PDB file of all heavy atoms in Angstrom:
ATOM      1  N   ALA A   1     -12.514 -16.094  -1.531  1.00  0.00           N
ATOM      2  CA  ALA A   1     -12.655 -14.776  -0.917  1.00  0.00           C
ATOM      3  C   ALA A   1     -11.768 -13.783  -1.645  1.00  0.00           C
ATOM      4  O   ALA A   1     -10.549 -14.006  -1.769  1.00  0.00           O
ATOM      5  CB  ALA A   1     -12.279 -14.830   0.553  1.00  0.00           C
ATOM      6  N   ILE A   2     -12.378 -12.708  -2.110  1.00  0.00           N
ATOM      7  CA  ILE A   2     -11.626 -11.649  -2.778  1.00  0.00           C
ATOM      8  C   ILE A   2     -11.350 -10.539  -1.768  1.00  0.00           C
ATOM      9  O   ILE A   2     -12.184 -10.250  -0.901  1.00  0.00           O
ATOM     10  CB  ILE A   2     -12.397 -11.110  -4.000  1.00  0.00           C
ATOM     11  CG1 ILE A   2     -11.533 -10.140  -4.811  1.00  0.00           C
ATOM     12  CG2 ILE A   2     -13.715 -10.463  -3.587  1.00  0.00           C
ATOM     13  CD1 ILE A   2     -12.152  -9.720  -6.141  1.00  0.00           C
ATOM     14  N   SER A   3     -10.174  -9.940  -1.881  1.00  0.00           N
ATOM     15  CA  SER A   3      -9.825  -8.841  -0.991  1.00  0.00           C
ATOM     16  C   SER A   3      -8.859  -7.916  -1.725  1.00  0.00           C
ATOM     17  O   SER A   3      -8.376  -8.244  -2.814  1.00  0.00           O
ATOM     18  CB  SER A   3      -9.202  -9.353   0.304  1.00  0.00           C
ATOM     19  OG  SER A   3      -8.006 -10.071   0.041  1.00  0.00           O
ATOM     20  N   ARG A   4      -8.598  -6.772  -1.110  1.00  0.00           N
ATOM     21  CA  ARG A   4      -7.664  -5.816  -1.705  1.00  0.00           C
ATOM     22  C   ARG A   4      -6.951  -5.056  -0.604  1.00  0.00           C
ATOM     23  O   ARG A   4      -7.485  -4.868   0.484  1.00  0.00           O
ATOM     24  CB  ARG A   4      -8.405  -4.863  -2.641  1.00  0.00           C
ATOM     25  CG  ARG A   4      -9.410  -3.958  -1.955  1.00  0.00           C
ATOM     26  CD  ARG A   4     -10.257  -3.194  -2.985  1.00  0.00           C
ATOM     27  NE  ARG A   4      -9.432  -2.304  -3.787  1.00  0.00           N
ATOM     28  CZ  ARG A   4      -9.800  -1.826  -4.974  1.00  0.00           C
ATOM     29  NH1 ARG A   4     -10.973  -2.187  -5.509  1.00  0.00           N
ATOM     30  NH2 ARG A   4      -9.000  -1.008  -5.645  1.00  0.00           N
ATOM     31  N   ASP A   5      -5.754  -4.603  -0.939  1.00  0.00           N
ATOM     32  CA  ASP A   5      -4.975  -3.748  -0.054  1.00  0.00           C
ATOM     33  C   ASP A   5      -4.630  -2.509  -0.865  1.00  0.00           C
ATOM     34  O   ASP A   5      -3.694  -2.536  -1.681  1.00  0.00           O
ATOM     35  CB  ASP A   5      -3.715  -4.483   0.413  1.00  0.00           C
ATOM     36  CG  ASP A   5      -2.930  -3.695   1.443  1.00  0.00           C
ATOM     37  OD1 ASP A   5      -3.071  -2.456   1.478  1.00  0.00           O
ATOM     38  OD2 ASP A   5      -2.167  -4.310   2.202  1.00  0.00           O
ATOM     39  N   ASN A   6      -5.373  -1.450  -0.661  1.00  0.00           N
ATOM     40  CA  ASN A   6      -5.165  -0.238  -1.460  1.00  0.00           C
ATOM     41  C   ASN A   6      -3.814   0.428  -1.191  1.00  0.00           C
ATOM     42  O   ASN A   6      -3.293   1.128  -2.048  1.00  0.00           O
ATOM     43  CB  ASN A   6      -6.303   0.747  -1.236  1.00  0.00           C
ATOM     44  CG  ASN A   6      -7.587   0.304  -1.939  1.00  0.00           C
ATOM     45  OD1 ASN A   6      -7.571  -0.560  -2.809  1.00  0.00           O
ATOM     46  ND2 ASN A   6      -8.706   0.902  -1.548  1.00  0.00           N
ATOM     47  N   ALA A   7      -3.270   0.202  -0.025  1.00  0.00           N
ATOM     48  CA  ALA A   7      -1.951   0.767   0.287  1.00  0.00           C
ATOM     49  C   ALA A   7      -0.847   0.078  -0.521  1.00  0.00           C
ATOM     50  O   ALA A   7       0.199   0.668  -0.782  1.00  0.00           O
ATOM     51  CB  ALA A   7      -1.669   0.636   1.770  1.00  0.00           C
ATOM     52  N   LYS A   8      -1.103  -1.173  -0.910  1.00  0.00           N
ATOM     53  CA  LYS A   8      -0.111  -1.944  -1.668  1.00  0.00           C
ATOM     54  C   LYS A   8      -0.473  -2.081  -3.143  1.00  0.00           C
ATOM     55  O   LYS A   8       0.227  -2.769  -3.893  1.00  0.00           O
ATOM     56  CB  LYS A   8       0.056  -3.338  -1.055  1.00  0.00           C
ATOM     57  CG  LYS A   8       0.627  -3.337   0.348  1.00  0.00           C
ATOM     58  CD  LYS A   8       0.803  -4.755   0.867  1.00  0.00           C
ATOM     59  CE  LYS A   8       1.423  -4.752   2.258  1.00  0.00           C
ATOM     60  NZ  LYS A   8       1.592  -6.139   2.789  1.00  0.00           N
ATOM     61  N   ASN A   9      -1.591  -1.470  -3.554  1.00  0.00           N
ATOM     62  CA  ASN A   9      -2.051  -1.570  -4.951  1.00  0.00           C
ATOM     63  C   ASN A   9      -2.160  -3.031  -5.398  1.00  0.00           C
ATOM     64  O   ASN A   9      -1.791  -3.381  -6.525  1.00  0.00           O
ATOM     65  CB  ASN A   9      -1.108  -0.826  -5.899  1.00  0.00           C
ATOM     66  CG  ASN A   9      -1.182   0.677  -5.723  1.00  0.00           C
ATOM     67  OD1 ASN A   9      -2.057   1.196  -5.036  1.00  0.00           O
ATOM     68  ND2 ASN A   9      -0.246   1.381  -6.328  1.00  0.00           N
ATOM     69  N   THR A  10      -2.684  -3.849  -4.512  1.00  0.00           N
ATOM     70  CA  THR A  10      -2.723  -5.282  -4.772  1.00  0.00           C
ATOM     71  C   THR A  10      -4.082  -5.856  -4.405  1.00  0.00           C
ATOM     72  O   THR A  10      -4.691  -5.448  -3.418  1.00  0.00           O
ATOM     73  CB  THR A  10      -1.625  -6.004  -3.981  1.00  0.00           C
ATOM     74  OG1 THR A  10      -0.344  -5.451  -4.341  1.00  0.00           O
ATOM     75  CG2 THR A  10      -1.606  -7.494  -4.284  1.00  0.00           C
ATOM     76  N   MET A  11      -4.530  -6.802  -5.209  1.00  0.00           N
ATOM     77  CA  MET A  11      -5.759  -7.526  -4.928  1.00  0.00           C
ATOM     78  C   MET A  11      -5.430  -9.006  -4.768  1.00  0.00           C
ATOM     79  O   MET A  11      -4.383  -9.474  -5.248  1.00  0.00           O
ATOM     80  CB  MET A  11      -6.759  -7.340  -6.074  1.00  0.00           C
ATOM     81  CG  MET A  11      -6.235  -7.788  -7.429  1.00  0.00           C
ATOM     82  SD  MET A  11      -7.306  -7.349  -8.794  1.00  0.00           S
ATOM     83  CE  MET A  11      -8.593  -8.561  -8.606  1.00  0.00           C
ATOM     84  N   TYR A  12      -6.322  -9.731  -4.103  1.00  0.00           N
ATOM     85  CA  TYR A  12      -6.068 -11.123  -3.783  1.00  0.00           C
ATOM     86  C   TYR A  12      -7.311 -11.971  -4.057  1.00  0.00           C
ATOM     87  O   TYR A  12      -8.436 -11.479  -4.029  1.00  0.00           O
ATOM     88  CB  TYR A  12      -5.682 -11.279  -2.315  1.00  0.00           C
ATOM     89  CG  TYR A  12      -4.540 -10.405  -1.883  1.00  0.00           C
ATOM     90  CD1 TYR A  12      -4.770  -9.168  -1.276  1.00  0.00           C
ATOM     91  CD2 TYR A  12      -3.217 -10.801  -2.085  1.00  0.00           C
ATOM     92  CE1 TYR A  12      -3.723  -8.356  -0.883  1.00  0.00           C
ATOM     93  CE2 TYR A  12      -2.166  -9.998  -1.687  1.00  0.00           C
ATOM     94  CZ  TYR A  12      -2.419  -8.780  -1.090  1.00  0.00           C
ATOM     95  OH  TYR A  12      -1.378  -7.987  -0.713  1.00  0.00           O
ATOM     96  N   LEU A  13      -7.070 -13.252  -4.278  1.00  0.00           N
ATOM     97  CA  LEU A  13      -8.163 -14.220  -4.338  1.00  0.00           C
ATOM     98  C   LEU A  13      -7.717 -15.444  -3.556  1.00  0.00           C
ATOM     99  O   LEU A  13      -6.813 -16.170  -3.994  1.00  0.00           O
ATOM    100  CB  LEU A  13      -8.493 -14.601  -5.783  1.00  0.00           C
ATOM    101  CG  LEU A  13      -9.695 -15.544  -5.930  1.00  0.00           C
ATOM    102  CD1 LEU A  13     -10.989 -14.813  -5.538  1.00  0.00           C
ATOM    103  CD2 LEU A  13      -9.810 -16.073  -7.356  1.00  0.00           C
ATOM    104  N   LEU A  14      -8.329 -15.644  -2.402  1.00  0.00           N
ATOM    105  CA  LEU A  14      -8.042 -16.818  -1.593  1.00  0.00           C
ATOM    106  C   LEU A  14      -9.024 -17.907  -2.004  1.00  0.00           C
ATOM    107  O   LEU A  14     -10.232 -17.709  -1.953  1.00  0.00           O
ATOM    108  CB  LEU A  14      -8.198 -16.494  -0.105  1.00  0.00           C
ATOM    109  CG  LEU A  14      -8.020 -17.670   0.853  1.00  0.00           C
ATOM    110  CD1 LEU A  14      -6.627 -18.264   0.729  1.00  0.00           C
ATOM    111  CD2 LEU A  14      -8.312 -17.230   2.278  1.00  0.00           C
ATOM    112  N   MET A  15      -8.489 -19.031  -2.417  1.00  0.00           N
ATOM    113  CA  MET A  15      -9.311 -20.130  -2.922  1.00  0.00           C
ATOM    114  C   MET A  15      -9.149 -21.337  -2.005  1.00  0.00           C
ATOM    115  O   MET A  15      -8.050 -21.887  -1.891  1.00  0.00           O
ATOM    116  CB  MET A  15      -8.890 -20.485  -4.352  1.00  0.00           C
ATOM    117  CG  MET A  15      -8.913 -19.302  -5.301  1.00  0.00           C
ATOM    118  SD  MET A  15      -8.522 -19.740  -7.002  1.00  0.00           S
ATOM    119  CE  MET A  15      -6.801 -20.191  -6.823  1.00  0.00           C
ATOM    120  N   ASN A  16     -10.226 -21.707  -1.347  1.00  0.00           N
ATOM    121  CA  ASN A  16     -10.246 -22.859  -0.447  1.00  0.00           C
ATOM    122  C   ASN A  16     -11.106 -23.976  -1.024  1.00  0.00           C
ATOM    123  O   ASN A  16     -11.921 -23.747  -1.914  1.00  0.00           O
ATOM    124  CB  ASN A  16     -10.790 -22.450   0.926  1.00  0.00           C
ATOM    125  CG  ASN A  16      -9.909 -21.460   1.639  1.00  0.00           C
ATOM    126  OD1 ASN A  16      -8.683 -21.579   1.632  1.00  0.00           O
ATOM    127  ND2 ASN A  16     -10.524 -20.472   2.273  1.00  0.00           N
ATOM    128  N   SER A  17     -10.946 -25.169  -0.483  1.00  0.00           N
ATOM    129  CA  SER A  17     -11.748 -26.330  -0.900  1.00  0.00           C
ATOM    130  C   SER A  17     -11.785 -26.458  -2.420  1.00  0.00           C
ATOM    131  O   SER A  17     -12.851 -26.623  -3.024  1.00  0.00           O
ATOM    132  CB  SER A  17     -13.170 -26.200  -0.345  1.00  0.00           C
ATOM    133  OG  SER A  17     -13.161 -26.106   1.060  1.00  0.00           O
ATOM    134  N   LEU A  18     -10.628 -26.373  -3.012  1.00  0.00           N
ATOM    135  CA  LEU A  18     -10.549 -26.384  -4.469  1.00  0.00           C
ATOM    136  C   LEU A  18     -11.033 -27.707  -5.054  1.00  0.00           C
ATOM    137  O   LEU A  18     -10.823 -28.783  -4.457  1.00  0.00           O
ATOM    138  CB  LEU A  18      -9.124 -26.093  -4.921  1.00  0.00           C
ATOM    139  CG  LEU A  18      -8.739 -24.609  -4.852  1.00  0.00           C
ATOM    140  CD1 LEU A  18      -7.244 -24.422  -4.866  1.00  0.00           C
ATOM    141  CD2 LEU A  18      -9.381 -23.840  -6.010  1.00  0.00           C
ATOM    142  N   LYS A  19     -11.667 -27.607  -6.218  1.00  0.00           N
ATOM    143  CA  LYS A  19     -12.201 -28.765  -6.918  1.00  0.00           C
ATOM    144  C   LYS A  19     -11.544 -28.859  -8.296  1.00  0.00           C
ATOM    145  O   LYS A  19     -11.094 -27.840  -8.839  1.00  0.00           O
ATOM    146  CB  LYS A  19     -13.713 -28.604  -7.095  1.00  0.00           C
ATOM    147  CG  LYS A  19     -14.476 -28.368  -5.813  1.00  0.00           C
ATOM    148  CD  LYS A  19     -15.938 -28.084  -6.110  1.00  0.00           C
ATOM    149  CE  LYS A  19     -16.726 -27.823  -4.838  1.00  0.00           C
ATOM    150  NZ  LYS A  19     -18.163 -27.540  -5.119  1.00  0.00           N
ATOM    151  N   PRO A  20     -11.530 -30.040  -8.887  1.00  0.00           N
ATOM    152  CA  PRO A  20     -10.959 -30.164 -10.235  1.00  0.00           C
ATOM    153  C   PRO A  20     -11.614 -29.217 -11.241  1.00  0.00           C
ATOM    154  O   PRO A  20     -10.939 -28.721 -12.154  1.00  0.00           O
ATOM    155  CB  PRO A  20     -11.227 -31.624 -10.586  1.00  0.00           C
ATOM    156  CG  PRO A  20     -11.214 -32.330  -9.271  1.00  0.00           C
ATOM    157  CD  PRO A  20     -11.846 -31.354  -8.313  1.00  0.00           C
ATOM    158  N   GLU A  21     -12.884 -28.926 -11.065  1.00  0.00           N
ATOM    159  CA  GLU A  21     -13.573 -28.020 -11.993  1.00  0.00           C
ATOM    160  C   GLU A  21     -13.147 -26.566 -11.825  1.00  0.00           C
ATOM    161  O   GLU A  21     -13.559 -25.705 -12.609  1.00  0.00           O
ATOM    162  CB  GLU A  21     -15.093 -28.149 -11.862  1.00  0.00           C
ATOM    163  CG  GLU A  21     -15.618 -28.048 -10.448  1.00  0.00           C
ATOM    164  CD  GLU A  21     -15.843 -29.403  -9.811  1.00  0.00           C
ATOM    165  OE1 GLU A  21     -14.965 -30.289  -9.945  1.00  0.00           O
ATOM    166  OE2 GLU A  21     -16.889 -29.570  -9.141  1.00  0.00           O
ATOM    167  N   ASP A  22     -12.340 -26.262 -10.820  1.00  0.00           N
ATOM    168  CA  ASP A  22     -11.784 -24.915 -10.681  1.00  0.00           C
ATOM    169  C   ASP A  22     -10.543 -24.729 -11.548  1.00  0.00           C
ATOM    170  O   ASP A  22     -10.003 -23.623 -11.642  1.00  0.00           O
ATOM    171  CB  ASP A  22     -11.406 -24.635  -9.219  1.00  0.00           C
ATOM    172  CG  ASP A  22     -12.609 -24.594  -8.297  1.00  0.00           C
ATOM    173  OD1 ASP A  22     -13.640 -24.008  -8.688  1.00  0.00           O
ATOM    174  OD2 ASP A  22     -12.515 -25.151  -7.186  1.00  0.00           O
ATOM    175  N   THR A  23     -10.073 -25.796 -12.175  1.00  0.00           N
ATOM    176  CA  THR A  23      -8.910 -25.711 -13.039  1.00  0.00           C
ATOM    177  C   THR A  23      -9.160 -24.762 -14.199  1.00  0.00           C
ATOM    178  O   THR A  23     -10.144 -24.893 -14.931  1.00  0.00           O
ATOM    179  CB  THR A  23      -8.547 -27.101 -13.583  1.00  0.00           C
ATOM    180  OG1 THR A  23      -8.157 -27.945 -12.501  1.00  0.00           O
ATOM    181  CG2 THR A  23      -7.411 -27.018 -14.593  1.00  0.00           C
ATOM    182  N   ALA A  24      -8.281 -23.767 -14.337  1.00  0.00           N
ATOM    183  CA  ALA A  24      -8.447 -22.743 -15.373  1.00  0.00           C
ATOM    184  C   ALA A  24      -7.271 -21.781 -15.307  1.00  0.00           C
ATOM    185  O   ALA A  24      -6.473 -21.822 -14.366  1.00  0.00           O
ATOM    186  CB  ALA A  24      -9.744 -21.970 -15.164  1.00  0.00           C
ATOM    187  N   VAL A  25      -7.199 -20.910 -16.294  1.00  0.00           N
ATOM    188  CA  VAL A  25      -6.310 -19.753 -16.209  1.00  0.00           C
ATOM    189  C   VAL A  25      -7.115 -18.631 -15.551  1.00  0.00           C
ATOM    190  O   VAL A  25      -8.225 -18.321 -15.988  1.00  0.00           O
ATOM    191  CB  VAL A  25      -5.809 -19.323 -17.591  1.00  0.00           C
ATOM    192  CG1 VAL A  25      -4.943 -18.065 -17.472  1.00  0.00           C
ATOM    193  CG2 VAL A  25      -5.015 -20.450 -18.244  1.00  0.00           C
ATOM    194  N   TYR A  26      -6.556 -18.060 -14.519  1.00  0.00           N
ATOM    195  CA  TYR A  26      -7.225 -17.002 -13.763  1.00  0.00           C
ATOM    196  C   TYR A  26      -6.636 -15.647 -14.141  1.00  0.00           C
ATOM    197  O   TYR A  26      -5.406 -15.486 -14.175  1.00  0.00           O
ATOM    198  CB  TYR A  26      -7.076 -17.257 -12.259  1.00  0.00           C
ATOM    199  CG  TYR A  26      -7.992 -18.337 -11.761  1.00  0.00           C
ATOM    200  CD1 TYR A  26      -7.759 -19.671 -12.092  1.00  0.00           C
ATOM    201  CD2 TYR A  26      -9.109 -18.044 -10.975  1.00  0.00           C
ATOM    202  CE1 TYR A  26      -8.611 -20.678 -11.657  1.00  0.00           C
ATOM    203  CE2 TYR A  26      -9.961 -19.041 -10.531  1.00  0.00           C
ATOM    204  CZ  TYR A  26      -9.707 -20.351 -10.881  1.00  0.00           C
ATOM    205  OH  TYR A  26     -10.557 -21.348 -10.451  1.00  0.00           O
ATOM    206  N   TYR A  27      -7.534 -14.691 -14.387  1.00  0.00           N
ATOM    207  CA  TYR A  27      -7.145 -13.349 -14.802  1.00  0.00           C
ATOM    208  C   TYR A  27      -7.684 -12.315 -13.809  1.00  0.00           C
ATOM    209  O   TYR A  27      -8.848 -12.393 -13.413  1.00  0.00           O
ATOM    210  CB  TYR A  27      -7.733 -13.017 -16.173  1.00  0.00           C
ATOM    211  CG  TYR A  27      -7.281 -13.923 -17.292  1.00  0.00           C
ATOM    212  CD1 TYR A  27      -7.979 -15.076 -17.593  1.00  0.00           C
ATOM    213  CD2 TYR A  27      -6.163 -13.599 -18.055  1.00  0.00           C
ATOM    214  CE1 TYR A  27      -7.584 -15.906 -18.631  1.00  0.00           C
ATOM    215  CE2 TYR A  27      -5.751 -14.421 -19.101  1.00  0.00           C
ATOM    216  CZ  TYR A  27      -6.467 -15.575 -19.373  1.00  0.00           C
ATOM    217  OH  TYR A  27      -6.054 -16.395 -20.402  1.00  0.00           O
ATOM    218  N   CYS A  28      -6.853 -11.352 -13.465  1.00  0.00           N
ATOM    219  CA  CYS A  28      -7.357 -10.206 -12.715  1.00  0.00           C
ATOM    220  C   CYS A  28      -7.658  -9.077 -13.701  1.00  0.00           C
ATOM    221  O   CYS A  28      -7.087  -9.026 -14.798  1.00  0.00           O
ATOM    222  CB  CYS A  28      -6.362  -9.746 -11.662  1.00  0.00           C
ATOM    223  SG  CYS A  28      -4.732  -9.260 -12.263  1.00  0.00           S
ATOM    224  N   ALA A  29      -8.572  -8.207 -13.310  1.00  0.00           N
ATOM    225  CA  ALA A  29      -9.019  -7.154 -14.218  1.00  0.00           C
ATOM    226  C   ALA A  29      -9.374  -5.900 -13.439  1.00  0.00           C
ATOM    227  O   ALA A  29      -9.813  -5.974 -12.284  1.00  0.00           O
ATOM    228  CB  ALA A  29     -10.230  -7.636 -15.016  1.00  0.00           C
ATOM    229  N   LEU A  30      -9.208  -4.746 -14.099  1.00  0.00           N
ATOM    230  CA  LEU A  30      -9.439  -3.437 -13.499  1.00  0.00           C
ATOM    231  C   LEU A  30     -10.629  -2.777 -14.187  1.00  0.00           C
ATOM    232  O   LEU A  30     -10.694  -2.716 -15.428  1.00  0.00           O
ATOM    233  CB  LEU A  30      -8.183  -2.592 -13.662  1.00  0.00           C
ATOM    234  CG  LEU A  30      -8.077  -1.283 -12.910  1.00  0.00           C
ATOM    235  CD1 LEU A  30      -8.048  -1.522 -11.405  1.00  0.00           C
ATOM    236  CD2 LEU A  30      -6.814  -0.536 -13.343  1.00  0.00           C
ATOM    237  N   ASP A  31     -11.573  -2.285 -13.405  1.00  0.00           N
ATOM    238  CA  ASP A  31     -12.780  -1.632 -13.931  1.00  0.00           C
ATOM    239  C   ASP A  31     -12.404  -0.416 -14.780  1.00  0.00           C
ATOM    240  O   ASP A  31     -11.419   0.264 -14.489  1.00  0.00           O
ATOM    241  CB  ASP A  31     -13.653  -1.210 -12.747  1.00  0.00           C
ATOM    242  CG  ASP A  31     -15.090  -0.914 -13.135  1.00  0.00           C
ATOM    243  OD1 ASP A  31     -15.374  -0.665 -14.325  1.00  0.00           O
ATOM    244  OD2 ASP A  31     -15.944  -0.908 -12.234  1.00  0.00           O
ATOM    245  N   ARG A  32     -13.229  -0.126 -15.768  1.00  0.00           N
ATOM    246  CA  ARG A  32     -12.956   1.036 -16.617  1.00  0.00           C
ATOM    247  C   ARG A  32     -13.514   2.324 -16.036  1.00  0.00           C
ATOM    248  O   ARG A  32     -13.122   3.409 -16.443  1.00  0.00           O
ATOM    249  CB  ARG A  32     -13.527   0.808 -18.018  1.00  0.00           C
ATOM    250  CG  ARG A  32     -15.033   0.741 -18.104  1.00  0.00           C
ATOM    251  CD  ARG A  32     -15.511   0.619 -19.545  1.00  0.00           C
ATOM    252  NE  ARG A  32     -15.112  -0.626 -20.162  1.00  0.00           N
ATOM    253  CZ  ARG A  32     -14.239  -0.705 -21.171  1.00  0.00           C
ATOM    254  NH1 ARG A  32     -13.693   0.391 -21.642  1.00  0.00           N
ATOM    255  NH2 ARG A  32     -13.950  -1.867 -21.694  1.00  0.00           N
ATOM    256  N   LEU A  33     -14.453   2.239 -15.066  1.00  0.00           N
ATOM    257  CA  LEU A  33     -15.082   3.426 -14.492  1.00  0.00           C
ATOM    258  C   LEU A  33     -14.543   3.729 -13.096  1.00  0.00           C
ATOM    259  O   LEU A  33     -14.322   2.809 -12.306  1.00  0.00           O
ATOM    260  CB  LEU A  33     -16.597   3.250 -14.414  1.00  0.00           C
ATOM    261  CG  LEU A  33     -17.350   3.183 -15.739  1.00  0.00           C
ATOM    262  CD1 LEU A  33     -18.845   3.061 -15.467  1.00  0.00           C
ATOM    263  CD2 LEU A  33     -17.077   4.421 -16.581  1.00  0.00           C
ATOM    264  N   VAL A  34     -14.400   5.007 -12.802  1.00  0.00           N
ATOM    265  CA  VAL A  34     -13.968   5.418 -11.480  1.00  0.00           C
ATOM    266  C   VAL A  34     -15.112   5.240 -10.488  1.00  0.00           C
ATOM    267  O   VAL A  34     -16.230   5.687 -10.737  1.00  0.00           O
ATOM    268  CB  VAL A  34     -13.534   6.903 -11.495  1.00  0.00           C
ATOM    269  CG1 VAL A  34     -13.257   7.382 -10.079  1.00  0.00           C
ATOM    270  CG2 VAL A  34     -12.315   7.084 -12.373  1.00  0.00           C
ATOM    271  N   ARG A  35     -14.817   4.534  -9.382  1.00  0.00           N
ATOM    272  CA  ARG A  35     -15.763   4.378  -8.274  1.00  0.00           C
ATOM    273  C   ARG A  35     -17.168   3.993  -8.749  1.00  0.00           C
ATOM    274  O   ARG A  35     -18.162   4.629  -8.362  1.00  0.00           O
ATOM    275  CB  ARG A  35     -15.790   5.650  -7.431  1.00  0.00           C
ATOM    276  CG  ARG A  35     -14.428   5.971  -6.823  1.00  0.00           C
ATOM    277  CD  ARG A  35     -14.482   6.964  -5.687  1.00  0.00           C
ATOM    278  NE  ARG A  35     -13.157   7.142  -5.096  1.00  0.00           N
ATOM    279  CZ  ARG A  35     -12.911   7.808  -3.978  1.00  0.00           C
ATOM    280  NH1 ARG A  35     -13.915   8.349  -3.314  1.00  0.00           N
ATOM    281  NH2 ARG A  35     -11.683   7.927  -3.529  1.00  0.00           N
ATOM    282  N   ARG A  36     -17.232   2.966  -9.550  1.00  0.00           N
ATOM    283  CA  ARG A  36     -18.521   2.436 -10.009  1.00  0.00           C
ATOM    284  C   ARG A  36     -19.404   2.130  -8.797  1.00  0.00           C
ATOM    285  O   ARG A  36     -18.949   1.502  -7.831  1.00  0.00           O
ATOM    286  CB  ARG A  36     -18.300   1.175 -10.843  1.00  0.00           C
ATOM    287  CG  ARG A  36     -19.570   0.631 -11.467  1.00  0.00           C
ATOM    288  CD  ARG A  36     -19.290  -0.703 -12.130  1.00  0.00           C
ATOM    289  NE  ARG A  36     -18.378  -0.614 -13.253  1.00  0.00           N
ATOM    290  CZ  ARG A  36     -18.742  -0.415 -14.515  1.00  0.00           C
ATOM    291  NH1 ARG A  36     -20.030  -0.295 -14.807  1.00  0.00           N
ATOM    292  NH2 ARG A  36     -17.844  -0.378 -15.476  1.00  0.00           N
ATOM    293  N   VAL A  37     -20.678   2.529  -8.861  1.00  0.00           N
ATOM    294  CA  VAL A  37     -21.556   2.381  -7.708  1.00  0.00           C
ATOM    295  C   VAL A  37     -21.987   0.926  -7.522  1.00  0.00           C
ATOM    296  O   VAL A  37     -22.001   0.396  -6.404  1.00  0.00           O
ATOM    297  CB  VAL A  37     -22.796   3.280  -7.850  1.00  0.00           C
ATOM    298  CG1 VAL A  37     -23.780   3.023  -6.716  1.00  0.00           C
ATOM    299  CG2 VAL A  37     -22.375   4.743  -7.877  1.00  0.00           C
ATOM    300  N   VAL A  38     -22.341   0.257  -8.626  1.00  0.00           N
ATOM    301  CA  VAL A  38     -22.839  -1.119  -8.553  1.00  0.00           C
ATOM    302  C   VAL A  38     -21.819  -2.050  -9.187  1.00  0.00           C
ATOM    303  O   VAL A  38     -21.423  -1.861 -10.340  1.00  0.00           O
ATOM    304  CB  VAL A  38     -24.193  -1.254  -9.282  1.00  0.00           C
ATOM    305  CG1 VAL A  38     -24.679  -2.702  -9.229  1.00  0.00           C
ATOM    306  CG2 VAL A  38     -25.217  -0.311  -8.666  1.00  0.00           C
ATOM    307  N   LEU A  39     -21.378  -3.063  -8.457  1.00  0.00           N
ATOM    308  CA  LEU A  39     -20.432  -4.031  -8.998  1.00  0.00           C
ATOM    309  C   LEU A  39     -21.050  -4.758 -10.186  1.00  0.00           C
ATOM    310  O   LEU A  39     -22.228  -5.089 -10.174  1.00  0.00           O
ATOM    311  CB  LEU A  39     -20.041  -5.053  -7.934  1.00  0.00           C
ATOM    312  CG  LEU A  39     -18.962  -4.654  -6.941  1.00  0.00           C
ATOM    313  CD1 LEU A  39     -18.797  -5.732  -5.891  1.00  0.00           C
ATOM    314  CD2 LEU A  39     -17.649  -4.378  -7.633  1.00  0.00           C
ATOM    315  N   THR A  40     -20.233  -5.015 -11.173  1.00  0.00           N
ATOM    316  CA  THR A  40     -20.724  -5.720 -12.336  1.00  0.00           C
ATOM    317  C   THR A  40     -19.912  -6.984 -12.574  1.00  0.00           C
ATOM    318  O   THR A  40     -18.721  -7.035 -12.257  1.00  0.00           O
ATOM    319  CB  THR A  40     -20.670  -4.826 -13.595  1.00  0.00           C
ATOM    320  OG1 THR A  40     -21.119  -5.579 -14.712  1.00  0.00           O
ATOM    321  CG2 THR A  40     -19.251  -4.349 -13.854  1.00  0.00           C
TER     322      THR A  40
END
């Protein structure tokens, strides 16, 4: 589950029921467009 707290300028990723195939380096990223209408 992804979420954000705009008051804290922070985003989150809650990961449940983790599997070995979820093993990876995880990166957060910021969109280049202001208020993009359609998520990409």
